[in-house]
Amino acid sequence: MSWLALEAAQAAMLQAGARGYLEGAETFRRLREAQFVAIVTPSVKHITMELARGG
C-alpha cells in the first residue's frame, strides 16, 4: 500500500513541476507524508512471510 502512496505523490510532483518542490506546496507535503509511510510501513514481503508463518 505504501508504494501506491509514493507513486501517487510522485505523479503529483511531476504534474506540479518545479513549484511542487516549494516548501509550502501541498504536493511537497504529500510527498513527505508518502515517504514517511514508506519508511514506517513494513515491507510487503515481510508481511507475506509473517502471514505464511501463521503469525
PDB file of N, CA and C in Angstrom:
ATOM      1  N   MET A   1       0.816  -1.185   0.000  1.00  0.00           N
ATOM      2  CA  MET A   1       0.000   0.000   0.000  1.00  0.00           C
ATOM      3  C   MET A   1       0.866   1.257   0.000  1.00  0.00           C
ATOM      4  N   SER A   2       1.988   1.198   0.691  1.00  0.00           N
ATOM      5  CA  SER A   2       2.838   2.392   0.758  1.00  0.00           C
ATOM      6  C   SER A   2       3.401   2.758  -0.612  1.00  0.00           C
ATOM      7  N   TRP A   3       3.617   1.757  -1.459  1.00  0.00           N
ATOM      8  CA  TRP A   3       4.151   2.071  -2.791  1.00  0.00           C
ATOM      9  C   TRP A   3       3.125   2.813  -3.638  1.00  0.00           C
ATOM     10  N   LEU A   4       1.836   2.568  -3.385  1.00  0.00           N
ATOM     11  CA  LEU A   4       0.796   3.318  -4.099  1.00  0.00           C
ATOM     12  C   LEU A   4       0.819   4.795  -3.703  1.00  0.00           C
ATOM     13  N   ALA A   5       1.012   5.047  -2.420  1.00  0.00           N
ATOM     14  CA  ALA A   5       1.096   6.433  -1.946  1.00  0.00           C
ATOM     15  C   ALA A   5       2.299   7.131  -2.559  1.00  0.00           C
ATOM     16  N   LEU A   6       3.425   6.424  -2.630  1.00  0.00           N
ATOM     17  CA  LEU A   6       4.623   7.008  -3.235  1.00  0.00           C
ATOM     18  C   LEU A   6       4.413   7.304  -4.714  1.00  0.00           C
ATOM     19  N   GLU A   7       3.827   6.361  -5.430  1.00  0.00           N
ATOM     20  CA  GLU A   7       3.585   6.571  -6.861  1.00  0.00           C
ATOM     21  C   GLU A   7       2.643   7.750  -7.100  1.00  0.00           C
ATOM     22  N   ALA A   8       1.599   7.848  -6.296  1.00  0.00           N
ATOM     23  CA  ALA A   8       0.648   8.950  -6.447  1.00  0.00           C
ATOM     24  C   ALA A   8       1.311  10.287  -6.140  1.00  0.00           C
ATOM     25  N   ALA A   9       2.111  10.323  -5.085  1.00  0.00           N
ATOM     26  CA  ALA A   9       2.793  11.567  -4.715  1.00  0.00           C
ATOM     27  C   ALA A   9       3.803  11.972  -5.783  1.00  0.00           C
ATOM     28  N   GLN A  10       4.515  10.994  -6.329  1.00  0.00           N
ATOM     29  CA  GLN A  10       5.491  11.305  -7.370  1.00  0.00           C
ATOM     30  C   GLN A  10       4.800  11.788  -8.643  1.00  0.00           C
ATOM     31  N   ALA A  11       3.649  11.205  -8.966  1.00  0.00           N
ATOM     32  CA  ALA A  11       2.893  11.658 -10.134  1.00  0.00           C
ATOM     33  C   ALA A  11       2.411  13.095  -9.933  1.00  0.00           C
ATOM     34  N   ALA A  12       1.979  13.400  -8.716  1.00  0.00           N
ATOM     35  CA  ALA A  12       1.537  14.769  -8.413  1.00  0.00           C
ATOM     36  C   ALA A  12       2.696  15.749  -8.528  1.00  0.00           C
ATOM     37  N   MET A  13       3.879  15.324  -8.104  1.00  0.00           N
ATOM     38  CA  MET A  13       5.052  16.193  -8.201  1.00  0.00           C
ATOM     39  C   MET A  13       5.390  16.463  -9.665  1.00  0.00           C
ATOM     40  N   LEU A  14       5.286  15.445 -10.503  1.00  0.00           N
ATOM     41  CA  LEU A  14       5.547  15.641 -11.929  1.00  0.00           C
ATOM     42  C   LEU A  14       4.539  16.606 -12.543  1.00  0.00           C
ATOM     43  N   GLN A  15       3.280  16.493 -12.139  1.00  0.00           N
ATOM     44  CA  GLN A  15       2.238  17.397 -12.634  1.00  0.00           C
ATOM     45  C   GLN A  15       2.496  18.832 -12.191  1.00  0.00           C
ATOM     46  N   ALA A  16       2.927  19.004 -10.947  1.00  0.00           N
ATOM     47  CA  ALA A  16       3.113  20.347 -10.389  1.00  0.00           C
ATOM     48  C   ALA A  16       4.359  21.030 -10.935  1.00  0.00           C
ATOM     49  N   GLY A  17       5.318  20.240 -11.359  1.00  0.00           N
ATOM     50  CA  GLY A  17       6.558  20.825 -11.866  1.00  0.00           C
ATOM     51  C   GLY A  17       7.409  21.384 -10.740  1.00  0.00           C
ATOM     52  N   ALA A  18       8.225  22.368 -11.051  1.00  0.00           N
ATOM     53  CA  ALA A  18       9.176  22.923 -10.085  1.00  0.00           C
ATOM     54  C   ALA A  18       8.479  23.516  -8.865  1.00  0.00           C
ATOM     55  N   ARG A  19       7.318  24.125  -9.050  1.00  0.00           N
ATOM     56  CA  ARG A  19       6.647  24.742  -7.901  1.00  0.00           C
ATOM     57  C   ARG A  19       6.149  23.693  -6.901  1.00  0.00           C
ATOM     58  N   GLY A  20       6.058  22.443  -7.323  1.00  0.00           N
ATOM     59  CA  GLY A  20       5.672  21.376  -6.408  1.00  0.00           C
ATOM     60  C   GLY A  20       6.707  21.108  -5.339  1.00  0.00           C
ATOM     61  N   TYR A  21       7.934  21.532  -5.578  1.00  0.00           N
ATOM     62  CA  TYR A  21       9.014  21.312  -4.626  1.00  0.00           C
ATOM     63  C   TYR A  21       9.171  22.449  -3.627  1.00  0.00           C
ATOM     64  N   LEU A  22       8.380  23.509  -3.777  1.00  0.00           N
ATOM     65  CA  LEU A  22       8.447  24.605  -2.815  1.00  0.00           C
ATOM     66  C   LEU A  22       7.973  24.110  -1.455  1.00  0.00           C
ATOM     67  N   GLU A  23       8.597  24.594  -0.406  1.00  0.00           N
ATOM     68  CA  GLU A  23       8.328  24.076   0.932  1.00  0.00           C
ATOM     69  C   GLU A  23       6.858  24.168   1.336  1.00  0.00           C
ATOM     70  N   GLY A  24       6.157  25.196   0.947  1.00  0.00           N
ATOM     71  CA  GLY A  24       4.760  25.341   1.336  1.00  0.00           C
ATOM     72  C   GLY A  24       3.768  24.653   0.417  1.00  0.00           C
ATOM     73  N   ALA A  25       4.248  24.023  -0.632  1.00  0.00           N
ATOM     74  CA  ALA A  25       3.356  23.406  -1.622  1.00  0.00           C
ATOM     75  C   ALA A  25       2.691  22.147  -1.065  1.00  0.00           C
ATOM     76  N   GLU A  26       1.413  21.976  -1.402  1.00  0.00           N
ATOM     77  CA  GLU A  26       0.671  20.783  -0.979  1.00  0.00           C
ATOM     78  C   GLU A  26       1.313  19.503  -1.513  1.00  0.00           C
ATOM     79  N   THR A  27       1.791  19.559  -2.749  1.00  0.00           N
ATOM     80  CA  THR A  27       2.401  18.359  -3.331  1.00  0.00           C
ATOM     81  C   THR A  27       3.671  17.977  -2.584  1.00  0.00           C
ATOM     82  N   PHE A  28       4.420  18.962  -2.104  1.00  0.00           N
ATOM     83  CA  PHE A  28       5.631  18.670  -1.329  1.00  0.00           C
ATOM     84  C   PHE A  28       5.259  17.993  -0.011  1.00  0.00           C
ATOM     85  N   ARG A  29       4.187  18.473   0.623  1.00  0.00           N
ATOM     86  CA  ARG A  29       3.718  17.864   1.873  1.00  0.00           C
ATOM     87  C   ARG A  29       3.287  16.420   1.628  1.00  0.00           C
ATOM     88  N   ARG A  30       2.548  16.196   0.543  1.00  0.00           N
ATOM     89  CA  ARG A  30       2.102  14.832   0.234  1.00  0.00           C
ATOM     90  C   ARG A  30       3.279  13.902  -0.029  1.00  0.00           C
ATOM     91  N   LEU A  31       4.299  14.414  -0.703  1.00  0.00           N
ATOM     92  CA  LEU A  31       5.479  13.595  -0.961  1.00  0.00           C
ATOM     93  C   LEU A  31       6.162  13.218   0.351  1.00  0.00           C
ATOM     94  N   ARG A  32       6.321  14.180   1.247  1.00  0.00           N
ATOM     95  CA  ARG A  32       6.941  13.891   2.549  1.00  0.00           C
ATOM     96  C   ARG A  32       6.129  12.858   3.320  1.00  0.00           C
ATOM     97  N   GLU A  33       4.803  13.007   3.308  1.00  0.00           N
ATOM     98  CA  GLU A  33       3.945  12.057   4.017  1.00  0.00           C
ATOM     99  C   GLU A  33       4.042  10.661   3.407  1.00  0.00           C
ATOM    100  N   ALA A  34       4.064  10.577   2.091  1.00  0.00           N
ATOM    101  CA  ALA A  34       4.180   9.279   1.421  1.00  0.00           C
ATOM    102  C   ALA A  34       5.521   8.629   1.730  1.00  0.00           C
ATOM    103  N   GLN A  35       6.580   9.424   1.784  1.00  0.00           N
ATOM    104  CA  GLN A  35       7.893   8.886   2.131  1.00  0.00           C
ATOM    105  C   GLN A  35       7.906   8.395   3.569  1.00  0.00           C
ATOM    106  N   PHE A  36       7.251   9.120   4.462  1.00  0.00           N
ATOM    107  CA  PHE A  36       7.164   8.693   5.857  1.00  0.00           C
ATOM    108  C   PHE A  36       6.436   7.361   5.968  1.00  0.00           C
ATOM    109  N   VAL A  37       5.316   7.238   5.263  1.00  0.00           N
ATOM    110  CA  VAL A  37       4.547   5.986   5.286  1.00  0.00           C
ATOM    111  C   VAL A  37       5.410   4.833   4.787  1.00  0.00           C
ATOM    112  N   ALA A  38       6.176   5.064   3.734  1.00  0.00           N
ATOM    113  CA  ALA A  38       7.038   4.011   3.187  1.00  0.00           C
ATOM    114  C   ALA A  38       8.121   3.603   4.182  1.00  0.00           C
ATOM    115  N   ILE A  39       8.596   4.551   4.970  1.00  0.00           N
ATOM    116  CA  ILE A  39       9.655   4.256   5.938  1.00  0.00           C
ATOM    117  C   ILE A  39       9.117   3.457   7.119  1.00  0.00           C
ATOM    118  N   VAL A  40       7.947   3.817   7.621  1.00  0.00           N
ATOM    119  CA  VAL A  40       7.434   3.175   8.834  1.00  0.00           C
ATOM    120  C   VAL A  40       6.574   1.948   8.569  1.00  0.00           C
ATOM    121  N   THR A  41       6.223   1.698   7.334  1.00  0.00           N
ATOM    122  CA  THR A  41       5.391   0.546   6.997  1.00  0.00           C
ATOM    123  C   THR A  41       6.281  -0.655   6.688  1.00  0.00           C
ATOM    124  N   PRO A  42       5.988  -1.793   7.315  1.00  0.00           N
ATOM    125  CA  PRO A  42       6.775  -2.988   6.977  1.00  0.00           C
ATOM    126  C   PRO A  42       6.623  -3.325   5.497  1.00  0.00           C
ATOM    127  N   SER A  43       7.625  -3.955   4.963  1.00  0.00           N
ATOM    128  CA  SER A  43       7.573  -4.292   3.543  1.00  0.00           C
ATOM    129  C   SER A  43       6.519  -5.357   3.276  1.00  0.00           C
ATOM    130  N   VAL A  44       6.015  -5.363   2.067  1.00  0.00           N
ATOM    131  CA  VAL A  44       5.007  -6.348   1.670  1.00  0.00           C
ATOM    132  C   VAL A  44       5.576  -7.757   1.797  1.00  0.00           C
ATOM    133  N   LYS A  45       6.844  -7.912   1.460  1.00  0.00           N
ATOM    134  CA  LYS A  45       7.489  -9.224   1.567  1.00  0.00           C
ATOM    135  C   LYS A  45       7.486  -9.709   3.015  1.00  0.00           C
ATOM    136  N   HIS A  46       7.797  -8.822   3.949  1.00  0.00           N
ATOM    137  CA  HIS A  46       7.827  -9.190   5.362  1.00  0.00           C
ATOM    138  C   HIS A  46       6.430  -9.589   5.845  1.00  0.00           C
ATOM    139  N   ILE A  47       5.424  -8.833   5.469  1.00  0.00           N
ATOM    140  CA  ILE A  47       4.055  -9.144   5.875  1.00  0.00           C
ATOM    141  C   ILE A  47       3.625 -10.493   5.308  1.00  0.00           C
ATOM    142  N   THR A  48       3.950 -10.749   4.046  1.00  0.00           N
ATOM    143  CA  THR A  48       3.602 -12.022   3.417  1.00  0.00           C
ATOM    144  C   THR A  48       4.265 -13.184   4.138  1.00  0.00           C
ATOM    145  N   MET A  49       5.527 -13.017   4.505  1.00  0.00           N
ATOM    146  CA  MET A  49       6.240 -14.081   5.231  1.00  0.00           C
ATOM    147  C   MET A  49       5.605 -14.324   6.597  1.00  0.00           C
ATOM    148  N   GLU A  50       5.245 -13.266   7.304  1.00  0.00           N
ATOM    149  CA  GLU A  50       4.616 -13.415   8.615  1.00  0.00           C
ATOM    150  C   GLU A  50       3.268 -14.126   8.501  1.00  0.00           C
ATOM    151  N   LEU A  51       2.486 -13.772   7.498  1.00  0.00           N
ATOM    152  CA  LEU A  51       1.193 -14.425   7.312  1.00  0.00           C
ATOM    153  C   LEU A  51       1.367 -15.895   6.956  1.00  0.00           C
ATOM    154  N   ALA A  52       2.372 -16.206   6.159  1.00  0.00           N
ATOM    155  CA  ALA A  52       2.632 -17.595   5.783  1.00  0.00           C
ATOM    156  C   ALA A  52       3.053 -18.425   6.994  1.00  0.00           C
ATOM    157  N   ARG A  53       3.763 -17.786   7.922  1.00  0.00           N
ATOM    158  CA  ARG A  53       4.195 -18.479   9.141  1.00  0.00           C
ATOM    159  C   ARG A  53       3.062 -18.637  10.138  1.00  0.00           C
ATOM    160  N   GLY A  54       1.975 -17.926   9.911  1.00  0.00           N
ATOM    161  CA  GLY A  54       0.845 -18.008  10.825  1.00  0.00           C
ATOM    162  C   GLY A  54       0.935 -17.007  11.958  1.00  0.00           C
ATOM    163  N   GLY A  55       1.799 -16.015  11.805  1.00  0.00           N
ATOM    164  CA  GLY A  55       1.976 -15.070  12.906  1.00  0.00           C
ATOM    165  C   GLY A  55       1.583 -13.726  12.537  1.00  0.00           C
TER     166      GLY A  55
END
